[in-house]
């Protein structure tokens, strides 16, 4: 497959929203770097192993926070050769309420239509 081809089924938007990951050992604070209706990349300093499932609180600006359950599908903690790579993990959403999914879909849709498309939305 050619490099640079987007494999995602859903549009993703660049965002910088606070994310709290709830683990058995406590919480991990991070920040989203991009999000789709199906998952999120979370930049943080603490690694969670692939296939672990955790609840997350995603704080969307000017909205109620949403609660999702996500599975770690990849991590770049072991491949930090590039100095400008954000350390973090990709989560696939495995549980999200219909209301929270609608909120997220609306925000993504509005961002996709925004003239500033491509710039991260601050949290």
N, C-alpha and C. Protein backbone atom coordinates (compact mmCIF):
# COMPACT_ATOMS: atom_id res chain seq x y z
N UNK A 1 0.84 -1.18 0.00
CA UNK A 1 0.00 0.00 0.00
C UNK A 1 0.89 1.24 0.00
N UNK A 2 0.52 2.27 -0.72
CA UNK A 2 1.32 3.48 -0.82
C UNK A 2 1.34 4.24 0.50
N UNK A 3 2.48 4.87 0.78
CA UNK A 3 2.59 5.64 2.01
C UNK A 3 1.69 6.87 1.93
N UNK A 4 1.23 7.32 3.10
CA UNK A 4 0.44 8.54 3.16
C UNK A 4 -1.04 8.36 2.88
N UNK A 5 -1.47 7.17 2.54
CA UNK A 5 -2.89 6.95 2.26
C UNK A 5 -3.60 6.73 3.59
N UNK A 6 -4.67 7.48 3.81
CA UNK A 6 -5.44 7.39 5.04
C UNK A 6 -6.22 6.08 5.08
N UNK A 7 -6.04 5.30 6.16
CA UNK A 7 -6.71 4.01 6.28
C UNK A 7 -7.96 4.10 7.15
N UNK A 8 -8.18 5.23 7.82
CA UNK A 8 -9.31 5.34 8.72
C UNK A 8 -10.63 5.37 7.95
N UNK A 9 -11.65 4.80 8.58
CA UNK A 9 -12.99 4.79 7.97
C UNK A 9 -13.74 6.08 8.28
N UNK A 10 -13.30 6.79 9.34
CA UNK A 10 -14.01 7.98 9.79
C UNK A 10 -13.08 9.19 9.73
N UNK A 11 -13.63 10.37 9.43
CA UNK A 11 -12.78 11.56 9.39
C UNK A 11 -12.20 11.86 10.77
N UNK A 12 -10.95 12.31 10.78
CA UNK A 12 -10.32 12.67 12.05
C UNK A 12 -10.02 14.16 12.03
N UNK A 13 -10.08 14.75 13.21
CA UNK A 13 -9.78 16.17 13.32
C UNK A 13 -8.66 16.36 14.35
N UNK A 14 -7.79 17.34 14.12
CA UNK A 14 -6.76 17.65 15.11
C UNK A 14 -7.37 18.44 16.26
N UNK A 15 -7.14 17.99 17.48
CA UNK A 15 -7.69 18.67 18.66
C UNK A 15 -6.68 18.58 19.80
N UNK A 16 -6.81 19.47 20.74
CA UNK A 16 -6.01 19.44 21.97
C UNK A 16 -6.96 19.58 23.14
N UNK A 17 -7.61 18.48 23.46
CA UNK A 17 -8.59 18.45 24.55
C UNK A 17 -8.03 17.64 25.71
N UNK A 18 -8.28 18.09 26.95
CA UNK A 18 -7.84 17.30 28.11
C UNK A 18 -8.55 15.94 28.15
N UNK A 19 -7.77 14.91 28.49
CA UNK A 19 -8.30 13.55 28.60
C UNK A 19 -7.82 12.97 29.93
N UNK A 20 -8.74 12.38 30.67
CA UNK A 20 -8.40 11.67 31.90
C UNK A 20 -8.68 10.19 31.65
N UNK A 21 -7.63 9.37 31.79
CA UNK A 21 -7.76 7.93 31.64
C UNK A 21 -7.87 7.33 33.03
N UNK A 22 -8.90 6.55 33.27
CA UNK A 22 -9.16 5.97 34.58
C UNK A 22 -8.64 4.54 34.59
N UNK A 23 -7.62 4.27 35.43
CA UNK A 23 -7.04 2.93 35.52
C UNK A 23 -7.25 2.40 36.94
N UNK A 24 -6.91 1.14 37.14
CA UNK A 24 -7.01 0.54 38.48
C UNK A 24 -6.03 1.19 39.46
N UNK A 25 -4.95 1.75 38.93
CA UNK A 25 -3.91 2.36 39.77
C UNK A 25 -4.13 3.86 39.97
N UNK A 26 -5.18 4.40 39.40
CA UNK A 26 -5.45 5.84 39.51
C UNK A 26 -5.72 6.43 38.14
N UNK A 27 -5.57 7.73 38.03
CA UNK A 27 -5.86 8.39 36.77
C UNK A 27 -4.57 8.83 36.08
N UNK A 28 -4.65 8.91 34.77
CA UNK A 28 -3.56 9.42 33.94
C UNK A 28 -4.12 10.61 33.19
N UNK A 29 -3.45 11.74 33.32
CA UNK A 29 -3.88 12.94 32.60
C UNK A 29 -3.12 13.03 31.28
N UNK A 30 -3.85 13.35 30.24
CA UNK A 30 -3.24 13.48 28.92
C UNK A 30 -3.98 14.51 28.11
N UNK A 31 -3.63 14.56 26.84
CA UNK A 31 -4.27 15.50 25.92
C UNK A 31 -4.45 14.82 24.58
N UNK A 32 -5.66 14.95 24.03
CA UNK A 32 -5.89 14.39 22.70
C UNK A 32 -5.09 15.19 21.68
N UNK A 33 -4.69 14.51 20.63
CA UNK A 33 -4.02 15.19 19.52
C UNK A 33 -4.87 15.11 18.25
N UNK A 34 -5.67 14.03 18.15
CA UNK A 34 -6.65 13.93 17.07
C UNK A 34 -7.72 12.95 17.52
N UNK A 35 -8.90 13.09 16.91
CA UNK A 35 -10.04 12.27 17.33
C UNK A 35 -10.93 11.99 16.14
N UNK A 36 -11.57 10.83 16.17
CA UNK A 36 -12.61 10.46 15.21
C UNK A 36 -13.81 10.00 16.03
N UNK A 37 -14.88 9.66 15.37
CA UNK A 37 -16.05 9.12 16.06
C UNK A 37 -15.74 7.73 16.63
N UNK A 38 -14.64 7.11 16.16
CA UNK A 38 -14.32 5.74 16.57
C UNK A 38 -13.10 5.61 17.47
N UNK A 39 -12.35 6.72 17.68
CA UNK A 39 -11.16 6.60 18.50
C UNK A 39 -10.44 7.92 18.69
N UNK A 40 -9.36 7.86 19.49
CA UNK A 40 -8.61 9.07 19.83
C UNK A 40 -7.14 8.73 20.05
N UNK A 41 -6.27 9.67 19.68
CA UNK A 41 -4.86 9.58 20.03
C UNK A 41 -4.65 10.45 21.25
N UNK A 42 -4.09 9.85 22.32
CA UNK A 42 -3.87 10.57 23.58
C UNK A 42 -2.37 10.71 23.82
N UNK A 43 -1.92 11.96 23.92
CA UNK A 43 -0.53 12.27 24.25
C UNK A 43 -0.43 12.32 25.77
N UNK A 44 0.49 11.54 26.34
CA UNK A 44 0.69 11.54 27.78
C UNK A 44 2.08 10.98 28.09
N UNK A 45 2.46 11.01 29.35
CA UNK A 45 3.78 10.55 29.74
C UNK A 45 3.79 9.11 30.25
N UNK A 46 2.62 8.57 30.57
CA UNK A 46 2.55 7.22 31.13
C UNK A 46 1.99 6.26 30.08
N UNK A 47 2.65 5.14 29.93
CA UNK A 47 2.24 4.16 28.93
C UNK A 47 1.21 3.19 29.49
N UNK A 48 0.25 2.86 28.66
CA UNK A 48 -0.70 1.79 28.94
C UNK A 48 -0.46 0.74 27.87
N UNK A 49 -0.46 -0.50 28.25
CA UNK A 49 -0.13 -1.57 27.31
C UNK A 49 -1.26 -1.82 26.32
N UNK A 50 -0.87 -2.28 25.13
CA UNK A 50 -1.85 -2.60 24.10
C UNK A 50 -2.87 -3.61 24.61
N UNK A 51 -4.09 -3.47 24.15
CA UNK A 51 -5.24 -4.31 24.47
C UNK A 51 -5.85 -4.02 25.83
N UNK A 52 -5.23 -3.14 26.64
CA UNK A 52 -5.88 -2.76 27.90
C UNK A 52 -7.09 -1.89 27.59
N UNK A 53 -8.13 -2.03 28.42
CA UNK A 53 -9.36 -1.28 28.25
C UNK A 53 -9.56 -0.40 29.47
N UNK A 54 -9.85 0.88 29.21
CA UNK A 54 -10.04 1.84 30.31
C UNK A 54 -11.14 2.83 29.95
N UNK A 55 -11.76 3.38 30.99
CA UNK A 55 -12.69 4.47 30.78
C UNK A 55 -11.89 5.76 30.65
N UNK A 56 -12.42 6.67 29.85
CA UNK A 56 -11.77 7.95 29.65
C UNK A 56 -12.81 9.06 29.70
N UNK A 57 -12.41 10.17 30.28
CA UNK A 57 -13.22 11.37 30.26
C UNK A 57 -12.56 12.33 29.28
N UNK A 58 -13.28 12.72 28.25
CA UNK A 58 -12.76 13.63 27.24
C UNK A 58 -13.50 14.96 27.43
N UNK A 59 -12.73 16.01 27.70
CA UNK A 59 -13.30 17.33 27.98
C UNK A 59 -13.32 18.16 26.68
N UNK A 60 -14.48 18.21 26.06
CA UNK A 60 -14.65 18.96 24.82
C UNK A 60 -14.96 20.41 25.18
N UNK A 61 -14.25 21.37 24.62
CA UNK A 61 -14.51 22.78 24.94
C UNK A 61 -15.96 23.17 24.64
N UNK A 62 -16.53 23.95 25.55
CA UNK A 62 -17.90 24.49 25.40
C UNK A 62 -18.95 23.40 25.28
N UNK A 63 -18.65 22.20 25.80
CA UNK A 63 -19.57 21.07 25.79
C UNK A 63 -19.46 20.36 27.13
N UNK A 64 -20.40 19.49 27.39
CA UNK A 64 -20.27 18.57 28.52
C UNK A 64 -19.14 17.60 28.19
N UNK A 65 -18.42 17.15 29.19
CA UNK A 65 -17.42 16.11 28.97
C UNK A 65 -18.12 14.83 28.55
N UNK A 66 -17.42 14.01 27.78
CA UNK A 66 -18.00 12.72 27.40
C UNK A 66 -17.20 11.60 28.07
N UNK A 67 -17.89 10.51 28.34
CA UNK A 67 -17.28 9.34 28.96
C UNK A 67 -17.30 8.21 27.95
N UNK A 68 -16.13 7.63 27.68
CA UNK A 68 -16.03 6.53 26.73
C UNK A 68 -15.20 5.42 27.35
N UNK A 69 -15.38 4.24 26.83
CA UNK A 69 -14.50 3.13 27.18
C UNK A 69 -13.69 2.83 25.93
N UNK A 70 -12.36 2.77 26.09
CA UNK A 70 -11.51 2.56 24.92
C UNK A 70 -10.46 1.50 25.16
N UNK A 71 -10.06 0.86 24.07
CA UNK A 71 -9.01 -0.16 24.08
C UNK A 71 -7.77 0.44 23.41
N UNK A 72 -6.61 0.25 24.03
CA UNK A 72 -5.35 0.69 23.42
C UNK A 72 -5.06 -0.22 22.23
N UNK A 73 -5.00 0.37 21.04
CA UNK A 73 -4.74 -0.43 19.84
C UNK A 73 -3.31 -0.24 19.34
N UNK A 74 -2.66 0.83 19.76
CA UNK A 74 -1.24 1.01 19.42
C UNK A 74 -0.63 2.05 20.34
N UNK A 75 0.69 2.00 20.41
CA UNK A 75 1.46 2.93 21.24
C UNK A 75 2.76 3.23 20.52
N UNK A 76 3.28 4.44 20.71
CA UNK A 76 4.57 4.76 20.11
C UNK A 76 5.67 4.95 21.16
N UNK A 77 5.45 4.45 22.37
CA UNK A 77 6.43 4.60 23.43
C UNK A 77 7.74 3.88 23.12
N UNK A 78 7.69 2.80 22.35
CA UNK A 78 8.90 2.03 22.03
C UNK A 78 9.61 2.52 20.78
N UNK A 79 9.00 3.44 20.06
CA UNK A 79 9.61 3.91 18.81
C UNK A 79 9.69 5.43 18.80
N UNK A 80 10.53 5.97 19.64
CA UNK A 80 10.62 7.42 19.78
C UNK A 80 11.87 7.97 19.08
N UNK A 81 12.20 7.47 17.87
CA UNK A 81 13.36 7.97 17.15
C UNK A 81 13.18 9.43 16.74
N UNK A 82 12.00 9.77 16.25
CA UNK A 82 11.77 11.13 15.79
C UNK A 82 11.52 12.04 16.97
N UNK A 83 12.30 13.11 17.05
CA UNK A 83 12.22 14.02 18.19
C UNK A 83 10.88 14.74 18.28
N UNK A 84 10.19 14.93 17.15
CA UNK A 84 8.94 15.68 17.18
C UNK A 84 7.70 14.79 17.27
N UNK A 85 7.88 13.51 17.51
CA UNK A 85 6.74 12.60 17.63
C UNK A 85 6.13 12.76 19.02
N UNK A 86 4.82 12.86 19.08
CA UNK A 86 4.14 12.93 20.37
C UNK A 86 4.09 11.55 21.00
N UNK A 87 4.48 11.45 22.24
CA UNK A 87 4.44 10.19 22.97
C UNK A 87 2.99 9.93 23.36
N UNK A 88 2.49 8.75 23.05
CA UNK A 88 1.11 8.45 23.43
C UNK A 88 0.59 7.16 22.85
N UNK A 89 -0.75 7.05 22.88
CA UNK A 89 -1.42 5.81 22.49
C UNK A 89 -2.67 6.11 21.68
N UNK A 90 -2.97 5.19 20.78
CA UNK A 90 -4.21 5.26 20.04
C UNK A 90 -5.24 4.36 20.68
N UNK A 91 -6.40 4.92 20.97
CA UNK A 91 -7.51 4.17 21.58
C UNK A 91 -8.62 4.00 20.57
N UNK A 92 -9.21 2.82 20.54
CA UNK A 92 -10.42 2.56 19.78
C UNK A 92 -11.57 2.55 20.77
N UNK A 93 -12.62 3.31 20.47
CA UNK A 93 -13.77 3.35 21.38
C UNK A 93 -14.54 2.03 21.28
N UNK A 94 -14.77 1.40 22.43
CA UNK A 94 -15.55 0.17 22.43
C UNK A 94 -16.90 0.36 23.12
N UNK A 95 -17.05 1.49 23.84
CA UNK A 95 -18.34 1.79 24.45
C UNK A 95 -18.47 3.30 24.58
N UNK A 96 -19.55 3.84 24.01
CA UNK A 96 -19.86 5.26 24.10
C UNK A 96 -21.36 5.39 24.00
N UNK A 97 -21.94 6.21 24.87
CA UNK A 97 -23.40 6.35 24.85
C UNK A 97 -23.84 7.02 23.54
N UNK A 98 -25.09 6.79 23.18
CA UNK A 98 -25.62 7.42 21.96
C UNK A 98 -25.54 8.94 22.06
N UNK A 99 -25.85 9.49 23.23
CA UNK A 99 -25.79 10.96 23.41
C UNK A 99 -24.37 11.48 23.23
N UNK A 100 -23.39 10.80 23.85
CA UNK A 100 -22.00 11.24 23.73
C UNK A 100 -21.50 11.07 22.30
N UNK A 101 -21.93 10.02 21.62
CA UNK A 101 -21.55 9.82 20.22
C UNK A 101 -22.10 10.96 19.35
N UNK A 102 -23.33 11.39 19.63
CA UNK A 102 -23.93 12.49 18.87
C UNK A 102 -23.19 13.80 19.12
N UNK A 103 -22.80 14.05 20.38
CA UNK A 103 -22.03 15.26 20.70
C UNK A 103 -20.71 15.25 19.93
N UNK A 104 -20.01 14.14 19.98
CA UNK A 104 -18.73 14.03 19.30
C UNK A 104 -18.89 14.16 17.79
N UNK A 105 -19.89 13.51 17.22
CA UNK A 105 -20.12 13.59 15.78
C UNK A 105 -20.43 15.03 15.36
N UNK A 106 -21.19 15.75 16.19
CA UNK A 106 -21.52 17.14 15.88
C UNK A 106 -20.27 18.02 15.90
N UNK A 107 -19.42 17.85 16.91
CA UNK A 107 -18.19 18.63 17.00
C UNK A 107 -17.28 18.34 15.81
N UNK A 108 -17.13 17.07 15.45
CA UNK A 108 -16.28 16.69 14.32
C UNK A 108 -16.84 17.28 13.03
N UNK A 109 -18.15 17.21 12.85
CA UNK A 109 -18.79 17.74 11.66
C UNK A 109 -18.58 19.26 11.55
N UNK A 110 -18.77 19.96 12.66
CA UNK A 110 -18.59 21.42 12.64
C UNK A 110 -17.14 21.77 12.34
N UNK A 111 -16.20 21.03 12.90
CA UNK A 111 -14.78 21.30 12.66
C UNK A 111 -14.43 21.06 11.19
N UNK A 112 -14.98 20.01 10.61
CA UNK A 112 -14.69 19.68 9.22
C UNK A 112 -15.15 20.80 8.28
N UNK A 113 -16.19 21.54 8.68
CA UNK A 113 -16.71 22.63 7.86
C UNK A 113 -16.05 23.97 8.18
N UNK A 114 -15.22 24.00 9.22
CA UNK A 114 -14.60 25.24 9.69
C UNK A 114 -13.52 25.71 8.72
N UNK A 115 -13.39 27.03 8.54
CA UNK A 115 -12.34 27.55 7.67
C UNK A 115 -10.95 27.30 8.24
N UNK A 116 -10.83 27.03 9.54
CA UNK A 116 -9.55 26.76 10.18
C UNK A 116 -9.23 25.27 10.17
N UNK A 117 -9.91 24.50 9.35
CA UNK A 117 -9.71 23.05 9.33
C UNK A 117 -8.22 22.74 9.21
N UNK A 118 -7.75 21.81 10.04
CA UNK A 118 -6.35 21.44 10.05
C UNK A 118 -5.61 21.98 11.26
N UNK A 119 -6.17 23.01 11.90
CA UNK A 119 -5.55 23.56 13.11
C UNK A 119 -6.19 22.91 14.32
N UNK A 120 -5.40 22.52 15.32
CA UNK A 120 -5.97 21.88 16.50
C UNK A 120 -6.92 22.79 17.26
N UNK A 121 -8.02 22.23 17.70
CA UNK A 121 -8.95 22.97 18.56
C UNK A 121 -8.41 22.88 19.97
N UNK A 122 -8.26 24.01 20.58
CA UNK A 122 -7.73 24.07 21.95
C UNK A 122 -8.82 23.70 22.94
N UNK A 123 -8.40 23.17 24.07
CA UNK A 123 -9.34 22.78 25.12
C UNK A 123 -9.37 23.74 26.24
